[in-house]
């Protein structure tokens, strides 16, 4: 029965996850200081359209609220510091704790803005953000189908949030890779450290050597453990720091697996081997 539910859940996510994110959600951004003289409003990288996409790509309508036919707005005041970072969030109008917390958590993780300025100098400011949750037939039908298939909405929510977290981890890893600026003409002179043989060799190494903790298997625990590795100029892994954990036995297994790894191919900067940091996700996937 458990395997059947896991299979249904997996299929549901594969076919419907992309359509759930942002479904029924609209975003409105209001500059609180737009009427003030000589003040340039803060800017999210890419403008309001990019900001709306950032929110809807990472936010889902709480399925429990869809099930009980609840809709409404979450209105917040976001404090943007001189450095463009989010310094605080005030709730001006709440909707439901499930939706409110989800919006607040996402705002806290936003990347820095271009700060507001006055006379060419950066200043602290606020913007108002309204996130509207509006029901539609697509959401209603999705929830109805899951219930008819015997899938718990609570478990489905956990899986949806896990998918969002994995997407964020992938984006964070991509950002780490972008820290090494590589021009096409001298790409061989700048690169991140990598497992000897590259990504395919790393995947094969993990598949062959990773041992799934029995307790995690018994409790159907799966997901990713992410570590921040410091790779020295000689390829030695000199520091292993847990970036995002899963189950403690999974964390330990992944840690010791990394400690047993061979030396990596070191990173290069301007053609010279250089100590660098990389994020390494290690997946624990339940056998089918």
C-alpha atoms as a PDB file:
ATOM      1  CA  UNK A   1       0.000   0.000   0.000  1.00  0.00           C
ATOM      2  CA  UNK A   2       2.842   2.376   0.888  1.00  0.00           C
ATOM      3  CA  UNK A   3       4.584   1.640  -2.418  1.00  0.00           C
ATOM      4  CA  UNK A   4       1.343   2.256  -4.290  1.00  0.00           C
ATOM      5  CA  UNK A   5       0.889   5.636  -2.645  1.00  0.00           C
ATOM      6  CA  UNK A   6       4.511   6.569  -3.343  1.00  0.00           C
ATOM      7  CA  UNK A   7       4.045   5.641  -7.003  1.00  0.00           C
ATOM      8  CA  UNK A   8       0.857   7.693  -7.283  1.00  0.00           C
ATOM      9  CA  UNK A   9       2.563  10.594  -5.558  1.00  0.00           C
ATOM     10  CA  UNK A  10       5.556  10.391  -7.877  1.00  0.00           C
ATOM     11  CA  UNK A  11       3.367  10.340 -10.965  1.00  0.00           C
ATOM     12  CA  UNK A  12       1.304  13.232  -9.654  1.00  0.00           C
ATOM     13  CA  UNK A  13       4.388  15.349  -9.135  1.00  0.00           C
ATOM     14  CA  UNK A  14       5.940  14.474 -12.477  1.00  0.00           C
ATOM     15  CA  UNK A  15       2.826  15.460 -14.407  1.00  0.00           C
ATOM     16  CA  UNK A  16       1.389  18.272 -12.306  1.00  0.00           C
ATOM     17  CA  UNK A  17       4.147  19.940 -10.300  1.00  0.00           C
ATOM     18  CA  UNK A  18       4.980  22.604 -12.900  1.00  0.00           C
ATOM     19  CA  UNK A  19       1.304  23.505 -13.275  1.00  0.00           C
ATOM     20  CA  UNK A  20       0.794  23.871  -9.515  1.00  0.00           C
ATOM     21  CA  UNK A  21       3.527  26.437  -8.895  1.00  0.00           C
ATOM     22  CA  UNK A  22       2.054  29.918  -9.194  1.00  0.00           C
ATOM     23  CA  UNK A  23      -1.400  28.546 -10.096  1.00  0.00           C
ATOM     24  CA  UNK A  24      -4.059  30.858  -8.681  1.00  0.00           C
ATOM     25  CA  UNK A  25      -1.405  33.311  -7.448  1.00  0.00           C
ATOM     26  CA  UNK A  26      -0.916  36.886  -8.646  1.00  0.00           C
ATOM     27  CA  UNK A  27       1.621  39.410  -7.395  1.00  0.00           C
ATOM     28  CA  UNK A  28       1.402  43.204  -7.168  1.00  0.00           C
ATOM     29  CA  UNK A  29       4.325  45.395  -6.156  1.00  0.00           C
ATOM     30  CA  UNK A  30       3.734  48.916  -4.801  1.00  0.00           C
ATOM     31  CA  UNK A  31       6.542  51.451  -4.248  1.00  0.00           C
ATOM     32  CA  UNK A  32       5.740  53.102  -0.907  1.00  0.00           C
ATOM     33  CA  UNK A  33       7.859  56.162  -1.759  1.00  0.00           C
ATOM     34  CA  UNK A  34       6.867  56.706  -5.379  1.00  0.00           C
ATOM     35  CA  UNK A  35       5.502  60.180  -4.650  1.00  0.00           C
ATOM     36  CA  UNK A  36       8.610  61.408  -2.809  1.00  0.00           C
ATOM     37  CA  UNK A  37      10.783  63.878  -4.682  1.00  0.00           C
ATOM     38  CA  UNK A  38      14.207  62.905  -5.998  1.00  0.00           C
ATOM     39  CA  UNK A  39      13.882  59.287  -4.832  1.00  0.00           C
ATOM     40  CA  UNK A  40      14.714  56.503  -7.239  1.00  0.00           C
ATOM     41  CA  UNK A  41      12.654  53.443  -6.366  1.00  0.00           C
ATOM     42  CA  UNK A  42      14.390  50.155  -5.481  1.00  0.00           C
ATOM     43  CA  UNK A  43      14.585  47.673  -8.335  1.00  0.00           C
ATOM     44  CA  UNK A  44      14.428  43.897  -8.343  1.00  0.00           C
ATOM     45  CA  UNK A  45      16.904  42.504 -10.874  1.00  0.00           C
ATOM     46  CA  UNK A  46      14.953  42.331 -14.118  1.00  0.00           C
ATOM     47  CA  UNK A  47      12.114  44.585 -12.961  1.00  0.00           C
ATOM     48  CA  UNK A  48       8.579  43.894 -11.799  1.00  0.00           C
ATOM     49  CA  UNK A  49       7.960  41.134 -14.338  1.00  0.00           C
ATOM     50  CA  UNK A  50      11.046  39.256 -13.124  1.00  0.00           C
ATOM     51  CA  UNK A  51       9.951  39.815  -9.532  1.00  0.00           C
ATOM     52  CA  UNK A  52       6.509  38.362 -10.215  1.00  0.00           C
ATOM     53  CA  UNK A  53       8.123  35.350 -11.910  1.00  0.00           C
ATOM     54  CA  UNK A  54      10.496  34.891  -8.955  1.00  0.00           C
ATOM     55  CA  UNK A  55       7.509  34.648  -6.594  1.00  0.00           C
ATOM     56  CA  UNK A  56       5.237  32.467  -8.732  1.00  0.00           C
ATOM     57  CA  UNK A  57       8.083  30.081  -9.667  1.00  0.00           C
ATOM     58  CA  UNK A  58       8.571  29.318  -5.958  1.00  0.00           C
ATOM     59  CA  UNK A  59       5.116  29.647  -4.420  1.00  0.00           C
ATOM     60  CA  UNK A  60       2.244  27.187  -4.427  1.00  0.00           C
ATOM     61  CA  UNK A  61      -1.339  27.605  -3.268  1.00  0.00           C
ATOM     62  CA  UNK A  62      -1.651  25.632   0.005  1.00  0.00           C
ATOM     63  CA  UNK A  63      -3.636  22.557  -1.032  1.00  0.00           C
ATOM     64  CA  UNK A  64      -5.460  22.370   2.281  1.00  0.00           C
ATOM     65  CA  UNK A  65      -6.836  25.862   1.598  1.00  0.00           C
ATOM     66  CA  UNK A  66      -7.925  24.778  -1.883  1.00  0.00           C
ATOM     67  CA  UNK A  67      -9.723  21.840  -0.302  1.00  0.00           C
ATOM     68  CA  UNK A  68     -11.722  24.085   2.064  1.00  0.00           C
ATOM     69  CA  UNK A  69     -12.315  26.760  -0.594  1.00  0.00           C
ATOM     70  CA  UNK A  70     -10.335  29.601   1.016  1.00  0.00           C
ATOM     71  CA  UNK A  71      -8.959  32.532  -0.949  1.00  0.00           C
ATOM     72  CA  UNK A  72      -7.623  35.951  -0.049  1.00  0.00           C
ATOM     73  CA  UNK A  73      -4.666  38.368  -0.060  1.00  0.00           C
ATOM     74  CA  UNK A  74      -1.409  38.568   1.859  1.00  0.00           C
ATOM     75  CA  UNK A  75      -0.250  42.200   2.014  1.00  0.00           C
ATOM     76  CA  UNK A  76       3.203  42.931   3.396  1.00  0.00           C
ATOM     77  CA  UNK A  77       5.558  45.876   3.806  1.00  0.00           C
ATOM     78  CA  UNK A  78       9.120  44.881   2.962  1.00  0.00           C
ATOM     79  CA  UNK A  79      12.028  46.944   4.305  1.00  0.00           C
ATOM     80  CA  UNK A  80      14.907  47.211   1.815  1.00  0.00           C
ATOM     81  CA  UNK A  81      18.254  48.320   3.263  1.00  0.00           C
ATOM     82  CA  UNK A  82      20.953  50.523   1.765  1.00  0.00           C
ATOM     83  CA  UNK A  83      22.680  47.381   0.544  1.00  0.00           C
ATOM     84  CA  UNK A  84      19.512  46.153  -1.183  1.00  0.00           C
ATOM     85  CA  UNK A  85      18.934  43.304   1.289  1.00  0.00           C
ATOM     86  CA  UNK A  86      15.606  42.560   2.958  1.00  0.00           C
ATOM     87  CA  UNK A  87      15.886  43.934   6.513  1.00  0.00           C
ATOM     88  CA  UNK A  88      12.389  43.251   7.798  1.00  0.00           C
ATOM     89  CA  UNK A  89       8.812  42.317   6.893  1.00  0.00           C
ATOM     90  CA  UNK A  90       5.569  43.702   8.312  1.00  0.00           C
ATOM     91  CA  UNK A  91       2.242  41.938   7.750  1.00  0.00           C
ATOM     92  CA  UNK A  92      -0.331  44.581   6.819  1.00  0.00           C
ATOM     93  CA  UNK A  93      -3.059  42.083   5.970  1.00  0.00           C
ATOM     94  CA  UNK A  94      -3.020  38.364   6.553  1.00  0.00           C
ATOM     95  CA  UNK A  95      -4.966  35.649   4.780  1.00  0.00           C
ATOM     96  CA  UNK A  96      -4.290  32.360   6.561  1.00  0.00           C
ATOM     97  CA  UNK A  97      -1.203  31.222   8.547  1.00  0.00           C
ATOM     98  CA  UNK A  98      -0.364  28.630   5.876  1.00  0.00           C
ATOM     99  CA  UNK A  99      -0.293  31.231   3.108  1.00  0.00           C
ATOM    100  CA  UNK A 100       1.137  34.021   5.280  1.00  0.00           C
ATOM    101  CA  UNK A 101       4.123  31.934   6.437  1.00  0.00           C
ATOM    102  CA  UNK A 102       4.810  30.696   2.928  1.00  0.00           C
ATOM    103  CA  UNK A 103       4.949  34.246   1.557  1.00  0.00           C
ATOM    104  CA  UNK A 104       7.116  35.525   4.433  1.00  0.00           C
ATOM    105  CA  UNK A 105       9.603  32.651   4.136  1.00  0.00           C
ATOM    106  CA  UNK A 106       9.984  33.313   0.415  1.00  0.00           C
ATOM    107  CA  UNK A 107      10.507  37.068   0.887  1.00  0.00           C
ATOM    108  CA  UNK A 108      13.227  36.397   3.466  1.00  0.00           C
ATOM    109  CA  UNK A 109      15.172  34.388   0.885  1.00  0.00           C
ATOM    110  CA  UNK A 110      14.943  36.995  -1.873  1.00  0.00           C
ATOM    111  CA  UNK A 111      18.196  38.091  -3.495  1.00  0.00           C
ATOM    112  CA  UNK A 112      19.354  41.665  -2.942  1.00  0.00           C
ATOM    113  CA  UNK A 113      17.654  44.481  -4.840  1.00  0.00           C
ATOM    114  CA  UNK A 114      19.224  47.555  -6.344  1.00  0.00           C
ATOM    115  CA  UNK A 115      18.509  49.855  -3.380  1.00  0.00           C
ATOM    116  CA  UNK A 116      16.493  53.058  -3.541  1.00  0.00           C
ATOM    117  CA  UNK A 117      18.539  56.191  -3.898  1.00  0.00           C
ATOM    118  CA  UNK A 118      18.214  59.914  -3.269  1.00  0.00           C
ATOM    119  CA  UNK A 119      20.619  62.344  -4.828  1.00  0.00           C
ATOM    120  CA  UNK A 120      22.646  59.405  -6.064  1.00  0.00           C
ATOM    121  CA  UNK A 121      23.103  57.960  -2.544  1.00  0.00           C
ATOM    122  CA  UNK A 122      21.543  54.621  -1.501  1.00  0.00           C
ATOM    123  CA  UNK A 123      18.833  54.893   1.141  1.00  0.00           C
ATOM    124  CA  UNK A 124      16.632  52.544   3.137  1.00  0.00           C
ATOM    125  CA  UNK A 125      13.085  52.257   1.883  1.00  0.00           C
ATOM    126  CA  UNK A 126       9.994  50.066   1.868  1.00  0.00           C
ATOM    127  CA  UNK A 127       7.864  48.441  -0.788  1.00  0.00           C
ATOM    128  CA  UNK A 128       4.416  46.936  -0.410  1.00  0.00           C
ATOM    129  CA  UNK A 129       3.793  43.484  -1.802  1.00  0.00           C
ATOM    130  CA  UNK A 130       0.351  42.004  -2.354  1.00  0.00           C
ATOM    131  CA  UNK A 131       0.123  38.277  -3.081  1.00  0.00           C
ATOM    132  CA  UNK A 132      -3.394  37.199  -4.047  1.00  0.00           C
ATOM    133  CA  UNK A 133      -4.589  33.602  -3.770  1.00  0.00           C
ATOM    134  CA  UNK A 134      -7.586  33.000  -6.062  1.00  0.00           C
ATOM    135  CA  UNK A 135      -9.200  29.601  -6.622  1.00  0.00           C
ATOM    136  CA  UNK A 136      -9.788  28.165 -10.084  1.00  0.00           C
ATOM    137  CA  UNK A 137     -11.018  24.913 -11.620  1.00  0.00           C
ATOM    138  CA  UNK A 138      -7.490  23.662 -12.298  1.00  0.00           C
ATOM    139  CA  UNK A 139      -6.607  23.794  -8.604  1.00  0.00           C
ATOM    140  CA  UNK A 140      -9.931  22.300  -7.528  1.00  0.00           C
ATOM    141  CA  UNK A 141      -9.621  19.424 -10.006  1.00  0.00           C
ATOM    142  CA  UNK A 142      -6.017  18.725  -8.960  1.00  0.00           C
ATOM    143  CA  UNK A 143      -6.976  18.402  -5.301  1.00  0.00           C
ATOM    144  CA  UNK A 144     -10.039  16.315  -6.180  1.00  0.00           C
ATOM    145  CA  UNK A 145      -7.934  13.885  -8.249  1.00  0.00           C
ATOM    146  CA  UNK A 146      -5.357  13.439  -5.495  1.00  0.00           C
ATOM    147  CA  UNK A 147      -8.019  12.676  -2.905  1.00  0.00           C
ATOM    148  CA  UNK A 148      -9.704  10.201  -5.239  1.00  0.00           C
ATOM    149  CA  UNK A 149      -6.332   8.481  -5.707  1.00  0.00           C
ATOM    150  CA  UNK A 150      -5.964   8.155  -1.940  1.00  0.00           C
ATOM    151  CA  UNK A 151      -3.072  10.638  -1.704  1.00  0.00           C
ATOM    152  CA  UNK A 152      -2.801  12.611   1.521  1.00  0.00           C
ATOM    153  CA  UNK A 153      -2.742  16.354   0.852  1.00  0.00           C
ATOM    154  CA  UNK A 154      -0.311  16.787   3.746  1.00  0.00           C
ATOM    155  CA  UNK A 155       2.146  14.337   2.177  1.00  0.00           C
ATOM    156  CA  UNK A 156       1.669  15.924  -1.234  1.00  0.00           C
ATOM    157  CA  UNK A 157       2.449  19.346   0.253  1.00  0.00           C
ATOM    158  CA  UNK A 158       5.696  17.976   1.694  1.00  0.00           C
ATOM    159  CA  UNK A 159       6.669  16.594  -1.696  1.00  0.00           C
ATOM    160  CA  UNK A 160       5.850  19.878  -3.424  1.00  0.00           C
ATOM    161  CA  UNK A 161       7.976  21.819  -0.937  1.00  0.00           C
ATOM    162  CA  UNK A 162      10.815  19.319  -1.376  1.00  0.00           C
ATOM    163  CA  UNK A 163      10.707  19.900  -5.136  1.00  0.00           C
ATOM    164  CA  UNK A 164      10.860  23.666  -4.593  1.00  0.00           C
ATOM    165  CA  UNK A 165      13.830  23.268  -2.247  1.00  0.00           C
ATOM    166  CA  UNK A 166      15.646  21.072  -4.766  1.00  0.00           C
ATOM    167  CA  UNK A 167      15.057  23.692  -7.452  1.00  0.00           C
ATOM    168  CA  UNK A 168      16.460  26.382  -5.165  1.00  0.00           C
ATOM    169  CA  UNK A 169      19.490  24.187  -4.386  1.00  0.00           C
ATOM    170  CA  UNK A 170      20.134  23.730  -8.092  1.00  0.00           C
ATOM    171  CA  UNK A 171      19.929  27.494  -8.642  1.00  0.00           C
ATOM    172  CA  UNK A 172      22.299  28.078  -5.732  1.00  0.00           C
ATOM    173  CA  UNK A 173      24.775  25.589  -7.170  1.00  0.00           C
ATOM    174  CA  UNK A 174      24.526  27.332 -10.544  1.00  0.00           C
ATOM    175  CA  UNK A 175      25.287  30.646  -8.836  1.00  0.00           C
ATOM    176  CA  UNK A 176      28.341  29.098  -7.226  1.00  0.00           C
ATOM    177  CA  UNK A 177      29.516  28.003 -10.663  1.00  0.00           C
ATOM    178  CA  UNK A 178      28.938  31.496 -12.043  1.00  0.00           C
ATOM    179  CA  UNK A 179      31.311  32.948  -9.447  1.00  0.00           C
ATOM    180  CA  UNK A 180      34.133  31.737 -11.659  1.00  0.00           C
ATOM    181  CA  UNK A 181      33.963  34.168 -14.573  1.00  0.00           C
ATOM    182  CA  UNK A 182      34.868  32.277 -17.729  1.00  0.00           C
ATOM    183  CA  UNK A 183      35.241  33.992 -21.089  1.00  0.00           C
ATOM    184  CA  UNK A 184      34.904  31.829 -24.160  1.00  0.00           C
ATOM    185  CA  UNK A 185      38.447  32.594 -25.370  1.00  0.00           C
ATOM    186  CA  UNK A 186      40.140  31.405 -22.160  1.00  0.00           C
ATOM    187  CA  UNK A 187      37.672  28.904 -20.671  1.00  0.00           C
ATOM    188  CA  UNK A 188      40.539  26.500 -19.984  1.00  0.00           C
ATOM    189  CA  UNK A 189      42.084  29.021 -17.589  1.00  0.00           C
ATOM    190  CA  UNK A 190      39.120  29.288 -15.216  1.00  0.00           C
ATOM    191  CA  UNK A 191      37.054  26.452 -13.827  1.00  0.00           C
ATOM    192  CA  UNK A 192      35.543  25.065 -10.648  1.00  0.00           C
ATOM    193  CA  UNK A 193      36.946  21.988  -8.911  1.00  0.00           C
ATOM    194  CA  UNK A 194      35.412  18.717 -10.041  1.00  0.00           C
ATOM    195  CA  UNK A 195      35.411  15.046  -9.155  1.00  0.00           C
ATOM    196  CA  UNK A 196      38.044  13.216 -11.251  1.00  0.00           C
ATOM    197  CA  UNK A 197      36.337  12.246 -14.479  1.00  0.00           C
ATOM    198  CA  UNK A 198      33.564  14.832 -14.156  1.00  0.00           C
ATOM    199  CA  UNK A 199      29.850  14.622 -13.342  1.00  0.00           C
ATOM    200  CA  UNK A 200      29.227  11.167 -14.816  1.00  0.00           C
ATOM    201  CA  UNK A 201      32.136   9.720 -12.857  1.00  0.00           C
ATOM    202  CA  UNK A 202      30.808  11.355  -9.688  1.00  0.00           C
ATOM    203  CA  UNK A 203      27.327   9.916 -10.261  1.00  0.00           C
ATOM    204  CA  UNK A 204      28.821   6.456 -10.788  1.00  0.00           C
ATOM    205  CA  UNK A 205      30.940   6.810  -7.646  1.00  0.00           C
ATOM    206  CA  UNK A 206      27.920   7.781  -5.545  1.00  0.00           C
ATOM    207  CA  UNK A 207      25.815   4.954  -6.972  1.00  0.00           C
ATOM    208  CA  UNK A 208      28.499   2.390  -6.223  1.00  0.00           C
ATOM    209  CA  UNK A 209      29.549   3.585  -2.763  1.00  0.00           C
ATOM    210  CA  UNK A 210      26.544   5.267  -1.127  1.00  0.00           C
ATOM    211  CA  UNK A 211      24.846   3.050   1.460  1.00  0.00           C
ATOM    212  CA  UNK A 212      21.231   3.894   2.248  1.00  0.00           C
ATOM    213  CA  UNK A 213      20.781   3.835   6.067  1.00  0.00           C
ATOM    214  CA  UNK A 214      18.310   1.087   7.018  1.00  0.00           C
ATOM    215  CA  UNK A 215      16.380   3.383   9.379  1.00  0.00           C
ATOM    216  CA  UNK A 216      15.890   5.909   6.579  1.00  0.00           C
ATOM    217  CA  UNK A 217      14.674   3.138   4.275  1.00  0.00           C
ATOM    218  CA  UNK A 218      12.241   1.853   6.890  1.00  0.00           C
ATOM    219  CA  UNK A 219      10.799   5.354   7.344  1.00  0.00           C
ATOM    220  CA  UNK A 220      10.650   6.057   3.566  1.00  0.00           C
ATOM    221  CA  UNK A 221      12.965   9.044   3.946  1.00  0.00           C
ATOM    222  CA  UNK A 222      14.423  10.406   0.737  1.00  0.00           C
ATOM    223  CA  UNK A 223      15.851  13.702  -0.441  1.00  0.00           C
ATOM    224  CA  UNK A 224      19.201  15.445  -0.733  1.00  0.00           C
ATOM    225  CA  UNK A 225      22.033  16.141   1.659  1.00  0.00           C
ATOM    226  CA  UNK A 226      24.056  19.150   0.538  1.00  0.00           C
ATOM    227  CA  UNK A 227      27.616  19.853   1.692  1.00  0.00           C
ATOM    228  CA  UNK A 228      29.899  22.820   1.128  1.00  0.00           C
ATOM    229  CA  UNK A 229      33.341  21.485   0.197  1.00  0.00           C
ATOM    230  CA  UNK A 230      36.646  23.324   0.270  1.00  0.00           C
ATOM    231  CA  UNK A 231      38.933  21.869  -2.381  1.00  0.00           C
ATOM    232  CA  UNK A 232      42.579  22.894  -1.995  1.00  0.00           C
ATOM    233  CA  UNK A 233      44.928  23.784  -4.834  1.00  0.00           C
ATOM    234  CA  UNK A 234      46.277  20.216  -4.780  1.00  0.00           C
ATOM    235  CA  UNK A 235      42.761  18.714  -5.083  1.00  0.00           C
ATOM    236  CA  UNK A 236      42.539  17.643  -1.426  1.00  0.00           C
ATOM    237  CA  UNK A 237      39.143  18.125   0.239  1.00  0.00           C
ATOM    238  CA  UNK A 238      40.176  20.136   3.301  1.00  0.00           C
ATOM    239  CA  UNK A 239      36.809  21.100   4.786  1.00  0.00           C
ATOM    240  CA  UNK A 240      33.335  19.551   4.685  1.00  0.00           C
ATOM    241  CA  UNK A 241      30.451  21.625   6.070  1.00  0.00           C
ATOM    242  CA  UNK A 242      26.792  20.543   6.122  1.00  0.00           C
ATOM    243  CA  UNK A 243      24.781  23.043   4.072  1.00  0.00           C
ATOM    244  CA  UNK A 244      21.407  21.279   4.167  1.00  0.00           C
ATOM    245  CA  UNK A 245      20.668  18.098   6.049  1.00  0.00           C
ATOM    246  CA  UNK A 246      18.084  15.341   5.694  1.00  0.00           C
ATOM    247  CA  UNK A 247      17.962  12.532   8.269  1.00  0.00           C
ATOM    248  CA  UNK A 248      20.943  12.407  10.638  1.00  0.00           C
ATOM    249  CA  UNK A 249      22.050   8.939   9.479  1.00  0.00           C
ATOM    250  CA  UNK A 250      21.854  10.120   5.860  1.00  0.00           C
ATOM    251  CA  UNK A 251      23.939  13.176   6.796  1.00  0.00           C
ATOM    252  CA  UNK A 252      26.562  10.964   8.417  1.00  0.00           C
ATOM    253  CA  UNK A 253      26.684   8.490   5.518  1.00  0.00           C
ATOM    254  CA  UNK A 254      27.117  11.327   3.013  1.00  0.00           C
ATOM    255  CA  UNK A 255      29.792  12.979   5.167  1.00  0.00           C
ATOM    256  CA  UNK A 256      31.923   9.840   5.461  1.00  0.00           C
ATOM    257  CA  UNK A 257      31.462   9.107   1.771  1.00  0.00           C
ATOM    258  CA  UNK A 258      32.930  12.525   0.963  1.00  0.00           C
ATOM    259  CA  UNK A 259      35.792  12.003   3.408  1.00  0.00           C
ATOM    260  CA  UNK A 260      36.691   8.767   1.566  1.00  0.00           C
ATOM    261  CA  UNK A 261      36.683  10.403  -1.870  1.00  0.00           C
ATOM    262  CA  UNK A 262      39.861  10.592  -3.930  1.00  0.00           C
ATOM    263  CA  UNK A 263      41.467  13.950  -4.601  1.00  0.00           C
ATOM    264  CA  UNK A 264      39.485  16.185  -6.934  1.00  0.00           C
ATOM    265  CA  UNK A 265      40.735  18.013  -9.990  1.00  0.00           C
ATOM    266  CA  UNK A 266      41.433  21.433  -8.468  1.00  0.00           C
ATOM    267  CA  UNK A 267      39.808  24.638  -9.638  1.00  0.00           C
ATOM    268  CA  UNK A 268      41.695  27.102 -11.794  1.00  0.00           C
ATOM    269  CA  UNK A 269      41.784  30.876 -11.715  1.00  0.00           C
ATOM    270  CA  UNK A 270      43.762  32.571 -14.444  1.00  0.00           C
ATOM    271  CA  UNK A 271      45.251  29.166 -15.207  1.00  0.00           C
ATOM    272  CA  UNK A 272      46.585  28.553 -11.693  1.00  0.00           C
ATOM    273  CA  UNK A 273      45.274  25.850  -9.290  1.00  0.00           C
ATOM    274  CA  UNK A 274      43.369  27.691  -6.561  1.00  0.00           C
ATOM    275  CA  UNK A 275      41.565  26.730  -3.360  1.00  0.00           C
ATOM    276  CA  UNK A 276      37.821  27.011  -3.999  1.00  0.00           C
ATOM    277  CA  UNK A 277      34.486  26.057  -2.460  1.00  0.00           C
ATOM    278  CA  UNK A 278      31.726  24.091  -4.185  1.00  0.00           C
ATOM    279  CA  UNK A 279      28.288  22.840  -3.161  1.00  0.00           C
ATOM    280  CA  UNK A 280      27.846  19.078  -3.530  1.00  0.00           C
ATOM    281  CA  UNK A 281      24.322  17.594  -3.370  1.00  0.00           C
ATOM    282  CA  UNK A 282      24.145  13.889  -2.532  1.00  0.00           C
ATOM    283  CA  UNK A 283      20.763  12.325  -3.355  1.00  0.00           C
ATOM    284  CA  UNK A 284      19.063   9.557  -1.376  1.00  0.00           C
ATOM    285  CA  UNK A 285      16.414   8.047  -3.647  1.00  0.00           C
ATOM    286  CA  UNK A 286      14.175   5.250  -2.403  1.00  0.00           C
ATOM    287  CA  UNK A 287      14.309   2.079  -4.527  1.00  0.00           C
ATOM    288  CA  UNK A 288      11.265   1.611  -6.732  1.00  0.00           C
END
